[in-house]
PDB file of all heavy atoms in Angstrom:
ATOM      1  N   LEU A   1     -10.277  10.499  -9.785  1.00  0.00           N
ATOM      2  CA  LEU A   1     -10.870  11.363 -10.802  1.00  0.00           C
ATOM      3  C   LEU A   1     -12.343  11.004 -10.968  1.00  0.00           C
ATOM      4  O   LEU A   1     -12.726   9.910 -10.738  1.00  0.00           O
ATOM      5  CB  LEU A   1     -10.128  11.150 -12.147  1.00  0.00           C
ATOM      6  CG  LEU A   1      -8.595  11.432 -12.093  1.00  0.00           C
ATOM      7  CD1 LEU A   1      -8.006  11.083 -13.439  1.00  0.00           C
ATOM      8  CD2 LEU A   1      -8.402  12.939 -11.776  1.00  0.00           C
ATOM      9  N   LYS A   2     -13.056  11.976 -11.440  1.00  0.00           N
ATOM     10  CA  LYS A   2     -14.555  11.710 -11.625  1.00  0.00           C
ATOM     11  C   LYS A   2     -14.768  11.216 -13.035  1.00  0.00           C
ATOM     12  O   LYS A   2     -13.912  11.352 -13.955  1.00  0.00           O
ATOM     13  CB  LYS A   2     -15.331  13.029 -11.348  1.00  0.00           C
ATOM     14  CG  LYS A   2     -14.978  14.149 -12.307  1.00  0.00           C
ATOM     15  CD  LYS A   2     -15.742  15.422 -11.867  1.00  0.00           C
ATOM     16  CE  LYS A   2     -15.610  16.534 -12.878  1.00  0.00           C
ATOM     17  NZ  LYS A   2     -14.372  16.919 -13.398  1.00  0.00           N
ATOM     18  N   GLU A   3     -15.967  10.713 -13.312  1.00  0.00           N
ATOM     19  CA  GLU A   3     -16.314  10.302 -14.660  1.00  0.00           C
ATOM     20  C   GLU A   3     -16.399  11.526 -15.520  1.00  0.00           C
ATOM     21  O   GLU A   3     -16.794  12.629 -15.125  1.00  0.00           O
ATOM     22  CB  GLU A   3     -17.657   9.586 -14.545  1.00  0.00           C
ATOM     23  CG  GLU A   3     -18.148   8.993 -15.883  1.00  0.00           C
ATOM     24  CD  GLU A   3     -19.455   8.273 -15.816  1.00  0.00           C
ATOM     25  OE1 GLU A   3     -20.115   8.304 -14.763  1.00  0.00           O
ATOM     26  OE2 GLU A   3     -19.836   7.667 -16.781  1.00  0.00           O
ATOM     27  N   GLY A   4     -15.915  11.359 -16.780  1.00  0.00           N
ATOM     28  CA  GLY A   4     -15.948  12.490 -17.786  1.00  0.00           C
ATOM     29  C   GLY A   4     -14.594  13.123 -17.861  1.00  0.00           C
ATOM     30  O   GLY A   4     -13.538  12.481 -17.645  1.00  0.00           O
ATOM     31  N   GLN A   5     -14.591  14.378 -18.185  1.00  0.00           N
ATOM     32  CA  GLN A   5     -13.282  15.042 -18.475  1.00  0.00           C
ATOM     33  C   GLN A   5     -12.707  15.591 -17.166  1.00  0.00           C
ATOM     34  O   GLN A   5     -13.392  16.238 -16.352  1.00  0.00           O
ATOM     35  CB  GLN A   5     -13.511  16.196 -19.490  1.00  0.00           C
ATOM     36  CG  GLN A   5     -12.203  16.838 -19.909  1.00  0.00           C
ATOM     37  CD  GLN A   5     -12.368  17.741 -21.095  1.00  0.00           C
ATOM     38  OE1 GLN A   5     -13.487  17.792 -21.647  1.00  0.00           O
ATOM     39  NE2 GLN A   5     -11.401  18.460 -21.459  1.00  0.00           N
ATOM     40  N   ASN A   6     -11.412  15.411 -16.993  1.00  0.00           N
ATOM     41  CA  ASN A   6     -10.714  15.843 -15.802  1.00  0.00           C
ATOM     42  C   ASN A   6      -9.412  16.585 -16.242  1.00  0.00           C
ATOM     43  O   ASN A   6      -8.675  16.057 -17.146  1.00  0.00           O
ATOM     44  CB  ASN A   6     -10.296  14.637 -14.906  1.00  0.00           C
ATOM     45  CG  ASN A   6     -11.464  13.959 -14.387  1.00  0.00           C
ATOM     46  OD1 ASN A   6     -11.850  14.216 -13.244  1.00  0.00           O
ATOM     47  ND2 ASN A   6     -12.004  12.992 -15.037  1.00  0.00           N
ATOM     48  N   GLU A   7      -9.139  17.708 -15.609  1.00  0.00           N
ATOM     49  CA  GLU A   7      -7.876  18.404 -15.864  1.00  0.00           C
ATOM     50  C   GLU A   7      -6.968  18.302 -14.692  1.00  0.00           C
ATOM     51  O   GLU A   7      -7.421  18.582 -13.552  1.00  0.00           O
ATOM     52  CB  GLU A   7      -8.137  19.835 -16.277  1.00  0.00           C
ATOM     53  CG  GLU A   7      -8.881  20.019 -17.525  1.00  0.00           C
ATOM     54  CD  GLU A   7      -9.036  21.471 -18.029  1.00  0.00           C
ATOM     55  OE1 GLU A   7      -8.351  22.329 -17.530  1.00  0.00           O
ATOM     56  OE2 GLU A   7      -9.949  21.704 -18.867  1.00  0.00           O
ATOM     57  N   VAL A   8      -5.784  17.837 -14.906  1.00  0.00           N
ATOM     58  CA  VAL A   8      -4.770  17.577 -13.769  1.00  0.00           C
ATOM     59  C   VAL A   8      -3.591  18.449 -14.064  1.00  0.00           C
ATOM     60  O   VAL A   8      -3.072  18.409 -15.176  1.00  0.00           O
ATOM     61  CB  VAL A   8      -4.510  16.100 -13.645  1.00  0.00           C
ATOM     62  CG1 VAL A   8      -3.423  15.910 -12.604  1.00  0.00           C
ATOM     63  CG2 VAL A   8      -5.676  15.296 -13.377  1.00  0.00           C
ATOM     64  N   THR A   9      -3.072  19.135 -13.058  1.00  0.00           N
ATOM     65  CA  THR A   9      -1.813  19.861 -13.121  1.00  0.00           C
ATOM     66  C   THR A   9      -0.764  19.196 -12.231  1.00  0.00           C
ATOM     67  O   THR A   9      -1.045  19.030 -11.059  1.00  0.00           O
ATOM     68  CB  THR A   9      -1.941  21.304 -12.801  1.00  0.00           C
ATOM     69  OG1 THR A   9      -2.957  21.928 -13.580  1.00  0.00           O
ATOM     70  CG2 THR A   9      -0.672  22.087 -12.913  1.00  0.00           C
ATOM     71  N   PHE A  10       0.340  18.801 -12.791  1.00  0.00           N
ATOM     72  CA  PHE A  10       1.425  18.198 -12.053  1.00  0.00           C
ATOM     73  C   PHE A  10       2.545  19.254 -11.954  1.00  0.00           C
ATOM     74  O   PHE A  10       3.051  19.669 -12.970  1.00  0.00           O
ATOM     75  CB  PHE A  10       1.893  16.974 -12.830  1.00  0.00           C
ATOM     76  CG  PHE A  10       3.052  16.170 -12.177  1.00  0.00           C
ATOM     77  CD1 PHE A  10       2.984  15.824 -10.869  1.00  0.00           C
ATOM     78  CD2 PHE A  10       4.198  15.911 -12.957  1.00  0.00           C
ATOM     79  CE1 PHE A  10       4.071  15.136 -10.321  1.00  0.00           C
ATOM     80  CE2 PHE A  10       5.239  15.220 -12.391  1.00  0.00           C
ATOM     81  CZ  PHE A  10       5.172  14.841 -11.047  1.00  0.00           C
ATOM     82  N   THR A  11       2.848  19.685 -10.739  1.00  0.00           N
ATOM     83  CA  THR A  11       3.770  20.777 -10.511  1.00  0.00           C
ATOM     84  C   THR A  11       5.004  20.222  -9.910  1.00  0.00           C
ATOM     85  O   THR A  11       5.000  19.576  -8.873  1.00  0.00           O
ATOM     86  CB  THR A  11       3.185  21.872  -9.613  1.00  0.00           C
ATOM     87  OG1 THR A  11       1.996  22.338 -10.179  1.00  0.00           O
ATOM     88  CG2 THR A  11       4.159  22.997  -9.433  1.00  0.00           C
ATOM     89  N   LEU A  12       6.177  20.508 -10.521  1.00  0.00           N
ATOM     90  CA  LEU A  12       7.480  20.065 -10.080  1.00  0.00           C
ATOM     91  C   LEU A  12       8.256  21.342  -9.585  1.00  0.00           C
ATOM     92  O   LEU A  12       8.187  22.378 -10.280  1.00  0.00           O
ATOM     93  CB  LEU A  12       8.241  19.345 -11.050  1.00  0.00           C
ATOM     94  CG  LEU A  12       7.747  18.030 -11.534  1.00  0.00           C
ATOM     95  CD1 LEU A  12       8.571  17.431 -12.696  1.00  0.00           C
ATOM     96  CD2 LEU A  12       7.784  17.022 -10.378  1.00  0.00           C
ATOM     97  N   THR A  13       9.004  21.197  -8.517  1.00  0.00           N
ATOM     98  CA  THR A  13       9.836  22.298  -8.012  1.00  0.00           C
ATOM     99  C   THR A  13      11.284  21.791  -8.097  1.00  0.00           C
ATOM    100  O   THR A  13      11.643  20.753  -7.430  1.00  0.00           O
ATOM    101  CB  THR A  13       9.455  22.647  -6.538  1.00  0.00           C
ATOM    102  OG1 THR A  13       8.065  22.949  -6.580  1.00  0.00           O
ATOM    103  CG2 THR A  13      10.273  23.826  -6.154  1.00  0.00           C
ATOM    104  N   ASN A  14      12.154  22.574  -8.741  1.00  0.00           N
ATOM    105  CA  ASN A  14      13.585  22.087  -8.839  1.00  0.00           C
ATOM    106  C   ASN A  14      14.328  22.635  -7.659  1.00  0.00           C
ATOM    107  O   ASN A  14      13.773  23.289  -6.666  1.00  0.00           O
ATOM    108  CB  ASN A  14      14.150  22.601 -10.170  1.00  0.00           C
ATOM    109  CG  ASN A  14      14.331  24.031 -10.245  1.00  0.00           C
ATOM    110  OD1 ASN A  14      14.198  24.722  -9.282  1.00  0.00           O
ATOM    111  ND2 ASN A  14      14.624  24.560 -11.486  1.00  0.00           N
ATOM    112  N   ALA A  15      15.622  22.361  -7.550  1.00  0.00           N
ATOM    113  CA  ALA A  15      16.478  22.699  -6.383  1.00  0.00           C
ATOM    114  C   ALA A  15      16.536  24.180  -6.192  1.00  0.00           C
ATOM    115  O   ALA A  15      16.718  24.572  -5.040  1.00  0.00           O
ATOM    116  CB  ALA A  15      17.891  22.129  -6.549  1.00  0.00           C
ATOM    117  N   GLU A  16      16.427  24.956  -7.244  1.00  0.00           N
ATOM    118  CA  GLU A  16      16.407  26.421  -7.042  1.00  0.00           C
ATOM    119  C   GLU A  16      15.125  27.051  -6.681  1.00  0.00           C
ATOM    120  O   GLU A  16      14.963  28.275  -6.532  1.00  0.00           O
ATOM    121  CB  GLU A  16      16.933  27.073  -8.341  1.00  0.00           C
ATOM    122  CG  GLU A  16      18.387  26.770  -8.723  1.00  0.00           C
ATOM    123  CD  GLU A  16      18.525  25.450  -9.410  1.00  0.00           C
ATOM    124  OE1 GLU A  16      17.655  25.065 -10.230  1.00  0.00           O
ATOM    125  OE2 GLU A  16      19.586  24.718  -9.208  1.00  0.00           O
ATOM    126  N   GLY A  17      14.066  26.192  -6.505  1.00  0.00           N
ATOM    127  CA  GLY A  17      12.759  26.712  -6.141  1.00  0.00           C
ATOM    128  C   GLY A  17      11.909  27.081  -7.333  1.00  0.00           C
ATOM    129  O   GLY A  17      10.748  27.544  -7.178  1.00  0.00           O
ATOM    130  N   LYS A  18      12.419  26.951  -8.578  1.00  0.00           N
ATOM    131  CA  LYS A  18      11.560  27.175  -9.749  1.00  0.00           C
ATOM    132  C   LYS A  18      10.605  26.041  -9.957  1.00  0.00           C
ATOM    133  O   LYS A  18      10.942  24.881  -9.902  1.00  0.00           O
ATOM    134  CB  LYS A  18      12.503  27.339 -10.967  1.00  0.00           C
ATOM    135  CG  LYS A  18      11.803  27.733 -12.218  1.00  0.00           C
ATOM    136  CD  LYS A  18      12.792  27.746 -13.454  1.00  0.00           C
ATOM    137  CE  LYS A  18      11.959  27.962 -14.688  1.00  0.00           C
ATOM    138  NZ  LYS A  18      12.797  27.794 -15.819  1.00  0.00           N
ATOM    139  N   THR A  19       9.315  26.487 -10.314  1.00  0.00           N
ATOM    140  CA  THR A  19       8.330  25.399 -10.527  1.00  0.00           C
ATOM    141  C   THR A  19       8.046  25.269 -12.009  1.00  0.00           C
ATOM    142  O   THR A  19       8.199  26.200 -12.800  1.00  0.00           O
ATOM    143  CB  THR A  19       7.028  25.757  -9.810  1.00  0.00           C
ATOM    144  OG1 THR A  19       6.512  27.008 -10.337  1.00  0.00           O
ATOM    145  CG2 THR A  19       7.210  25.850  -8.325  1.00  0.00           C
ATOM    146  N   VAL A  20       7.695  24.084 -12.420  1.00  0.00           N
ATOM    147  CA  VAL A  20       7.317  23.732 -13.733  1.00  0.00           C
ATOM    148  C   VAL A  20       6.036  22.954 -13.691  1.00  0.00           C
ATOM    149  O   VAL A  20       5.906  22.012 -12.963  1.00  0.00           O
ATOM    150  CB  VAL A  20       8.433  22.878 -14.472  1.00  0.00           C
ATOM    151  CG1 VAL A  20       7.982  22.505 -15.859  1.00  0.00           C
ATOM    152  CG2 VAL A  20       9.750  23.559 -14.423  1.00  0.00           C
ATOM    153  N   ASP A  21       5.019  23.493 -14.379  1.00  0.00           N
ATOM    154  CA  ASP A  21       3.662  22.779 -14.421  1.00  0.00           C
ATOM    155  C   ASP A  21       3.565  21.926 -15.681  1.00  0.00           C
ATOM    156  O   ASP A  21       3.949  22.307 -16.742  1.00  0.00           O
ATOM    157  CB  ASP A  21       2.613  23.842 -14.414  1.00  0.00           C
ATOM    158  CG  ASP A  21       2.451  24.601 -13.133  1.00  0.00           C
ATOM    159  OD1 ASP A  21       2.937  24.054 -12.108  1.00  0.00           O
ATOM    160  OD2 ASP A  21       1.899  25.699 -13.145  1.00  0.00           O
ATOM    161  N   HIS A  22       2.992  20.836 -15.511  1.00  0.00           N
ATOM    162  CA  HIS A  22       2.666  19.912 -16.568  1.00  0.00           C
ATOM    163  C   HIS A  22       1.120  19.710 -16.484  1.00  0.00           C
ATOM    164  O   HIS A  22       0.572  19.255 -15.525  1.00  0.00           O
ATOM    165  CB  HIS A  22       3.367  18.549 -16.439  1.00  0.00           C
ATOM    166  CG  HIS A  22       4.858  18.671 -16.418  1.00  0.00           C
ATOM    167  ND1 HIS A  22       5.598  18.696 -17.597  1.00  0.00           N
ATOM    168  CD2 HIS A  22       5.764  18.855 -15.396  1.00  0.00           C
ATOM    169  CE1 HIS A  22       6.872  18.774 -17.301  1.00  0.00           C
ATOM    170  NE2 HIS A  22       6.973  18.945 -15.974  1.00  0.00           N
ATOM    171  N   HIS A  23       0.395  20.030 -17.605  1.00  0.00           N
ATOM    172  CA  HIS A  23      -1.008  19.933 -17.629  1.00  0.00           C
ATOM    173  C   HIS A  23      -1.432  18.762 -18.436  1.00  0.00           C
ATOM    174  O   HIS A  23      -0.983  18.497 -19.531  1.00  0.00           O
ATOM    175  CB  HIS A  23      -1.590  21.254 -18.207  1.00  0.00           C
ATOM    176  CG  HIS A  23      -1.220  22.496 -17.542  1.00  0.00           C
ATOM    177  ND1 HIS A  23      -1.882  22.891 -16.350  1.00  0.00           N
ATOM    178  CD2 HIS A  23      -0.196  23.363 -17.757  1.00  0.00           C
ATOM    179  CE1 HIS A  23      -1.289  24.014 -15.931  1.00  0.00           C
ATOM    180  NE2 HIS A  23      -0.242  24.315 -16.743  1.00  0.00           N
ATOM    181  N   TYR A  24      -2.396  18.030 -17.867  1.00  0.00           N
ATOM    182  CA  TYR A  24      -2.996  16.846 -18.540  1.00  0.00           C
ATOM    183  C   TYR A  24      -4.495  16.878 -18.488  1.00  0.00           C
ATOM    184  O   TYR A  24      -5.084  17.323 -17.513  1.00  0.00           O
ATOM    185  CB  TYR A  24      -2.451  15.564 -17.875  1.00  0.00           C
ATOM    186  CG  TYR A  24      -0.952  15.477 -17.852  1.00  0.00           C
ATOM    187  CD1 TYR A  24      -0.277  15.734 -16.661  1.00  0.00           C
ATOM    188  CD2 TYR A  24      -0.285  14.995 -18.887  1.00  0.00           C
ATOM    189  CE1 TYR A  24       1.101  15.683 -16.600  1.00  0.00           C
ATOM    190  CE2 TYR A  24       1.139  14.902 -18.877  1.00  0.00           C
ATOM    191  CZ  TYR A  24       1.788  15.241 -17.724  1.00  0.00           C
ATOM    192  OH  TYR A  24       3.166  15.139 -17.695  1.00  0.00           O
ATOM    193  N   THR A  25      -5.115  16.329 -19.586  1.00  0.00           N
ATOM    194  CA  THR A  25      -6.568  16.268 -19.577  1.00  0.00           C
ATOM    195  C   THR A  25      -6.867  14.796 -19.902  1.00  0.00           C
ATOM    196  O   THR A  25      -6.385  14.130 -20.813  1.00  0.00           O
ATOM    197  CB  THR A  25      -7.133  17.239 -20.708  1.00  0.00           C
ATOM    198  OG1 THR A  25      -6.780  18.496 -20.517  1.00  0.00           O
ATOM    199  CG2 THR A  25      -8.663  17.014 -20.691  1.00  0.00           C
ATOM    200  N   TYR A  26      -7.793  14.249 -19.045  1.00  0.00           N
ATOM    201  CA  TYR A  26      -8.186  12.790 -19.159  1.00  0.00           C
ATOM    202  C   TYR A  26      -9.715  12.795 -19.252  1.00  0.00           C
ATOM    203  O   TYR A  26     -10.428  13.466 -18.508  1.00  0.00           O
ATOM    204  CB  TYR A  26      -7.715  12.044 -17.910  1.00  0.00           C
ATOM    205  CG  TYR A  26      -6.279  12.145 -17.586  1.00  0.00           C
ATOM    206  CD1 TYR A  26      -5.853  12.845 -16.475  1.00  0.00           C
ATOM    207  CD2 TYR A  26      -5.301  11.489 -18.392  1.00  0.00           C
ATOM    208  CE1 TYR A  26      -4.501  12.926 -16.142  1.00  0.00           C
ATOM    209  CE2 TYR A  26      -3.965  11.580 -18.109  1.00  0.00           C
ATOM    210  CZ  TYR A  26      -3.580  12.291 -16.963  1.00  0.00           C
ATOM    211  OH  TYR A  26      -2.271  12.409 -16.669  1.00  0.00           O
ATOM    212  N   THR A  27     -10.125  11.870 -20.060  1.00  0.00           N
ATOM    213  CA  THR A  27     -11.605  11.602 -20.145  1.00  0.00           C
ATOM    214  C   THR A  27     -11.807  10.170 -19.752  1.00  0.00           C
ATOM    215  O   THR A  27     -11.255   9.271 -20.416  1.00  0.00           O
ATOM    216  CB  THR A  27     -12.179  11.849 -21.590  1.00  0.00           C
ATOM    217  OG1 THR A  27     -11.801  13.218 -21.959  1.00  0.00           O
ATOM    218  CG2 THR A  27     -13.669  11.666 -21.653  1.00  0.00           C
ATOM    219  N   LEU A  28     -12.517   9.963 -18.677  1.00  0.00           N
ATOM    220  CA  LEU A  28     -12.657   8.632 -18.149  1.00  0.00           C
ATOM    221  C   LEU A  28     -14.165   8.191 -18.068  1.00  0.00           C
ATOM    222  O   LEU A  28     -15.007   9.014 -18.007  1.00  0.00           O
ATOM    223  CB  LEU A  28     -12.173   8.614 -16.651  1.00  0.00           C
ATOM    224  CG  LEU A  28     -10.695   8.551 -16.502  1.00  0.00           C
ATOM    225  CD1 LEU A  28     -10.137   9.974 -16.390  1.00  0.00           C
ATOM    226  CD2 LEU A  28     -10.268   7.723 -15.323  1.00  0.00           C
ATOM    227  N   LYS A  29     -14.280   6.882 -18.221  1.00  0.00           N
ATOM    228  CA  LYS A  29     -15.599   6.286 -17.949  1.00  0.00           C
ATOM    229  C   LYS A  29     -15.754   5.696 -16.568  1.00  0.00           C
ATOM    230  O   LYS A  29     -14.700   5.514 -15.940  1.00  0.00           O
ATOM    231  CB  LYS A  29     -15.773   5.140 -19.037  1.00  0.00           C
ATOM    232  CG  LYS A  29     -15.759   5.495 -20.455  1.00  0.00           C
ATOM    233  CD  LYS A  29     -15.770   4.339 -21.323  1.00  0.00           C
ATOM    234  CE  LYS A  29     -15.589   4.719 -22.819  1.00  0.00           C
ATOM    235  NZ  LYS A  29     -15.440   3.635 -23.736  1.00  0.00           N
ATOM    236  N   LYS A  30     -16.960   5.517 -16.169  1.00  0.00           N
ATOM    237  CA  LYS A  30     -17.127   5.044 -14.750  1.00  0.00           C
ATOM    238  C   LYS A  30     -16.388   3.715 -14.578  1.00  0.00           C
ATOM    239  O   LYS A  30     -16.442   2.780 -15.365  1.00  0.00           O
ATOM    240  CB  LYS A  30     -18.650   4.876 -14.432  1.00  0.00           C
ATOM    241  CG  LYS A  30     -18.873   4.493 -13.029  1.00  0.00           C
ATOM    242  CD  LYS A  30     -20.345   4.450 -12.729  1.00  0.00           C
ATOM    243  CE  LYS A  30     -20.426   4.137 -11.231  1.00  0.00           C
ATOM    244  NZ  LYS A  30     -21.646   4.637 -10.691  1.00  0.00           N
ATOM    245  N   GLY A  31     -15.602   3.643 -13.476  1.00  0.00           N
ATOM    246  CA  GLY A  31     -14.897   2.423 -13.166  1.00  0.00           C
ATOM    247  C   GLY A  31     -13.557   2.263 -13.829  1.00  0.00           C
ATOM    248  O   GLY A  31     -12.840   1.286 -13.622  1.00  0.00           O
ATOM    249  N   GLN A  32     -13.260   3.093 -14.719  1.00  0.00           N
ATOM    250  CA  GLN A  32     -11.972   3.018 -15.506  1.00  0.00           C
ATOM    251  C   GLN A  32     -10.774   3.341 -14.646  1.00  0.00           C
ATOM    252  O   GLN A  32     -10.839   4.227 -13.813  1.00  0.00           O
ATOM    253  CB  GLN A  32     -12.016   3.897 -16.751  1.00  0.00           C
ATOM    254  CG  GLN A  32     -10.834   3.899 -17.573  1.00  0.00           C
ATOM    255  CD  GLN A  32     -10.842   4.911 -18.753  1.00  0.00           C
ATOM    256  OE1 GLN A  32     -11.870   5.561 -19.043  1.00  0.00           O
ATOM    257  NE2 GLN A  32      -9.836   4.863 -19.566  1.00  0.00           N
ATOM    258  N   ILE A  33      -9.726   2.599 -14.808  1.00  0.00           N
ATOM    259  CA  ILE A  33      -8.409   2.879 -14.097  1.00  0.00           C
ATOM    260  C   ILE A  33      -7.453   3.345 -15.175  1.00  0.00           C
ATOM    261  O   ILE A  33      -7.272   2.736 -16.193  1.00  0.00           O
ATOM    262  CB  ILE A  33      -7.928   1.654 -13.374  1.00  0.00           C
ATOM    263  CG1 ILE A  33      -8.975   1.185 -12.307  1.00  0.00           C
ATOM    264  CG2 ILE A  33      -6.548   1.928 -12.835  1.00  0.00           C
ATOM    265  CD1 ILE A  33      -8.547  -0.016 -11.548  1.00  0.00           C
ATOM    266  N   LEU A  34      -6.815   4.399 -14.897  1.00  0.00           N
ATOM    267  CA  LEU A  34      -5.825   5.079 -15.803  1.00  0.00           C
ATOM    268  C   LEU A  34      -4.455   5.156 -15.166  1.00  0.00           C
ATOM    269  O   LEU A  34      -4.330   5.474 -14.014  1.00  0.00           O
ATOM    270  CB  LEU A  34      -6.340   6.446 -16.203  1.00  0.00           C
ATOM    271  CG  LEU A  34      -5.398   7.273 -17.026  1.00  0.00           C
ATOM    272  CD1 LEU A  34      -5.432   6.806 -18.438  1.00  0.00           C
ATOM    273  CD2 LEU A  34      -5.788   8.744 -16.986  1.00  0.00           C
ATOM    274  N   PHE A  35      -3.428   4.753 -15.892  1.00  0.00           N
ATOM    275  CA  PHE A  35      -2.049   4.908 -15.470  1.00  0.00           C
ATOM    276  C   PHE A  35      -1.394   5.875 -16.375  1.00  0.00           C
ATOM    277  O   PHE A  35      -1.464   5.810 -17.583  1.00  0.00           O
ATOM    278  CB  PHE A  35      -1.288   3.547 -15.485  1.00  0.00           C
ATOM    279  CG  PHE A  35      -1.831   2.559 -14.493  1.00  0.00           C
ATOM    280  CD1 PHE A  35      -2.751   1.652 -14.854  1.00  0.00           C
ATOM    281  CD2 PHE A  35      -1.303   2.593 -13.263  1.00  0.00           C
ATOM    282  CE1 PHE A  35      -3.259   0.732 -13.955  1.00  0.00           C
ATOM    283  CE2 PHE A  35      -1.838   1.677 -12.335  1.00  0.00           C
ATOM    284  CZ  PHE A  35      -2.761   0.740 -12.675  1.00  0.00           C
ATOM    285  N   HIS A  36      -0.670   6.829 -15.812  1.00  0.00           N
ATOM    286  CA  HIS A  36       0.124   7.817 -16.549  1.00  0.00           C
ATOM    287  C   HIS A  36       1.526   7.821 -15.957  1.00  0.00           C
ATOM    288  O   HIS A  36       1.656   7.978 -14.801  1.00  0.00           O
ATOM    289  CB  HIS A  36      -0.481   9.263 -16.446  1.00  0.00           C
ATOM    290  CG  HIS A  36       0.250  10.219 -17.185  1.00  0.00           C
ATOM    291  ND1 HIS A  36      -0.203  10.846 -18.383  1.00  0.00           N
ATOM    292  CD2 HIS A  36       1.449  10.800 -16.993  1.00  0.00           C
ATOM    293  CE1 HIS A  36       0.647  11.638 -18.860  1.00  0.00           C
ATOM    294  NE2 HIS A  36       1.671  11.663 -18.040  1.00  0.00           N
ATOM    295  N   THR A  37       2.471   7.659 -16.823  1.00  0.00           N
ATOM    296  CA  THR A  37       3.856   7.701 -16.423  1.00  0.00           C
ATOM    297  C   THR A  37       4.568   8.988 -16.758  1.00  0.00           C
ATOM    298  O   THR A  37       4.180   9.558 -17.801  1.00  0.00           O
ATOM    299  CB  THR A  37       4.708   6.527 -17.024  1.00  0.00           C
ATOM    300  OG1 THR A  37       4.638   6.634 -18.417  1.00  0.00           O
ATOM    301  CG2 THR A  37       4.171   5.191 -16.606  1.00  0.00           C
ATOM    302  N   PHE A  38       5.358   9.467 -15.908  1.00  0.00           N
ATOM    303  CA  PHE A  38       6.148  10.715 -16.129  1.00  0.00           C
ATOM    304  C   PHE A  38       7.570  10.420 -15.877  1.00  0.00           C
ATOM    305  O   PHE A  38       7.924   9.902 -14.779  1.00  0.00           O
ATOM    306  CB  PHE A  38       5.595  11.832 -15.217  1.00  0.00           C
ATOM    307  CG  PHE A  38       6.408  13.121 -15.404  1.00  0.00           C
ATOM    308  CD1 PHE A  38       5.999  14.004 -16.328  1.00  0.00           C
ATOM    309  CD2 PHE A  38       7.452  13.423 -14.620  1.00  0.00           C
ATOM    310  CE1 PHE A  38       6.689  15.229 -16.547  1.00  0.00           C
ATOM    311  CE2 PHE A  38       8.168  14.588 -14.726  1.00  0.00           C
ATOM    312  CZ  PHE A  38       7.778  15.478 -15.703  1.00  0.00           C
ATOM    313  N   SER A  39       8.379  10.617 -16.833  1.00  0.00           N
ATOM    314  CA  SER A  39       9.919  10.328 -16.691  1.00  0.00           C
ATOM    315  C   SER A  39      10.622  11.652 -16.823  1.00  0.00           C
ATOM    316  O   SER A  39      10.221  12.582 -17.502  1.00  0.00           O
ATOM    317  CB  SER A  39      10.388   9.362 -17.770  1.00  0.00           C
ATOM    318  OG  SER A  39       9.713   8.200 -17.718  1.00  0.00           O
ATOM    319  N   SER A  40      11.709  11.734 -15.979  1.00  0.00           N
ATOM    320  CA  SER A  40      12.494  12.974 -15.981  1.00  0.00           C
ATOM    321  C   SER A  40      13.952  12.550 -15.956  1.00  0.00           C
ATOM    322  O   SER A  40      14.313  11.631 -15.301  1.00  0.00           O
ATOM    323  CB  SER A  40      12.156  13.773 -14.787  1.00  0.00           C
ATOM    324  OG  SER A  40      13.027  14.868 -14.638  1.00  0.00           O
ATOM    325  N   LEU A  41      14.737  13.305 -16.656  1.00  0.00           N
ATOM    326  CA  LEU A  41      16.230  13.042 -16.623  1.00  0.00           C
ATOM    327  C   LEU A  41      16.928  14.056 -15.704  1.00  0.00           C
ATOM    328  O   LEU A  41      18.149  14.123 -15.731  1.00  0.00           O
ATOM    329  CB  LEU A  41      16.818  13.179 -18.047  1.00  0.00           C
ATOM    330  CG  LEU A  41      16.273  12.108 -19.012  1.00  0.00           C
ATOM    331  CD1 LEU A  41      16.810  12.428 -20.396  1.00  0.00           C
ATOM    332  CD2 LEU A  41      16.687  10.816 -18.594  1.00  0.00           C
ATOM    333  N   GLU A  42      16.177  14.708 -14.842  1.00  0.00           N
ATOM    334  CA  GLU A  42      16.766  15.640 -13.889  1.00  0.00           C
ATOM    335  C   GLU A  42      17.742  14.881 -12.968  1.00  0.00           C
ATOM    336  O   GLU A  42      17.484  13.806 -12.570  1.00  0.00           O
ATOM    337  CB  GLU A  42      15.685  16.258 -13.088  1.00  0.00           C
ATOM    338  CG  GLU A  42      14.751  17.212 -13.828  1.00  0.00           C
ATOM    339  CD  GLU A  42      15.542  18.450 -14.380  1.00  0.00           C
ATOM    340  OE1 GLU A  42      16.397  18.948 -13.690  1.00  0.00           O
ATOM    341  OE2 GLU A  42      15.201  18.804 -15.491  1.00  0.00           O
ATOM    342  N   SER A  43      18.877  15.485 -12.722  1.00  0.00           N
ATOM    343  CA  SER A  43      19.901  14.805 -11.931  1.00  0.00           C
ATOM    344  C   SER A  43      19.906  15.215 -10.380  1.00  0.00           C
ATOM    345  O   SER A  43      20.578  14.666  -9.643  1.00  0.00           O
ATOM    346  CB  SER A  43      21.289  15.108 -12.478  1.00  0.00           C
ATOM    347  OG  SER A  43      21.513  16.458 -12.515  1.00  0.00           O
TER     348      SER A  43
END
């Protein structure tokens, strides 16, 4: 990601082919490392 504001879209596709988008906005400083966890109970 670049310094400043970043918009990220995380797209998941289920077994039936249906997609689900998850949108995130991050504001980073130079050299910053960011961790984002995403958990799902999909079986």
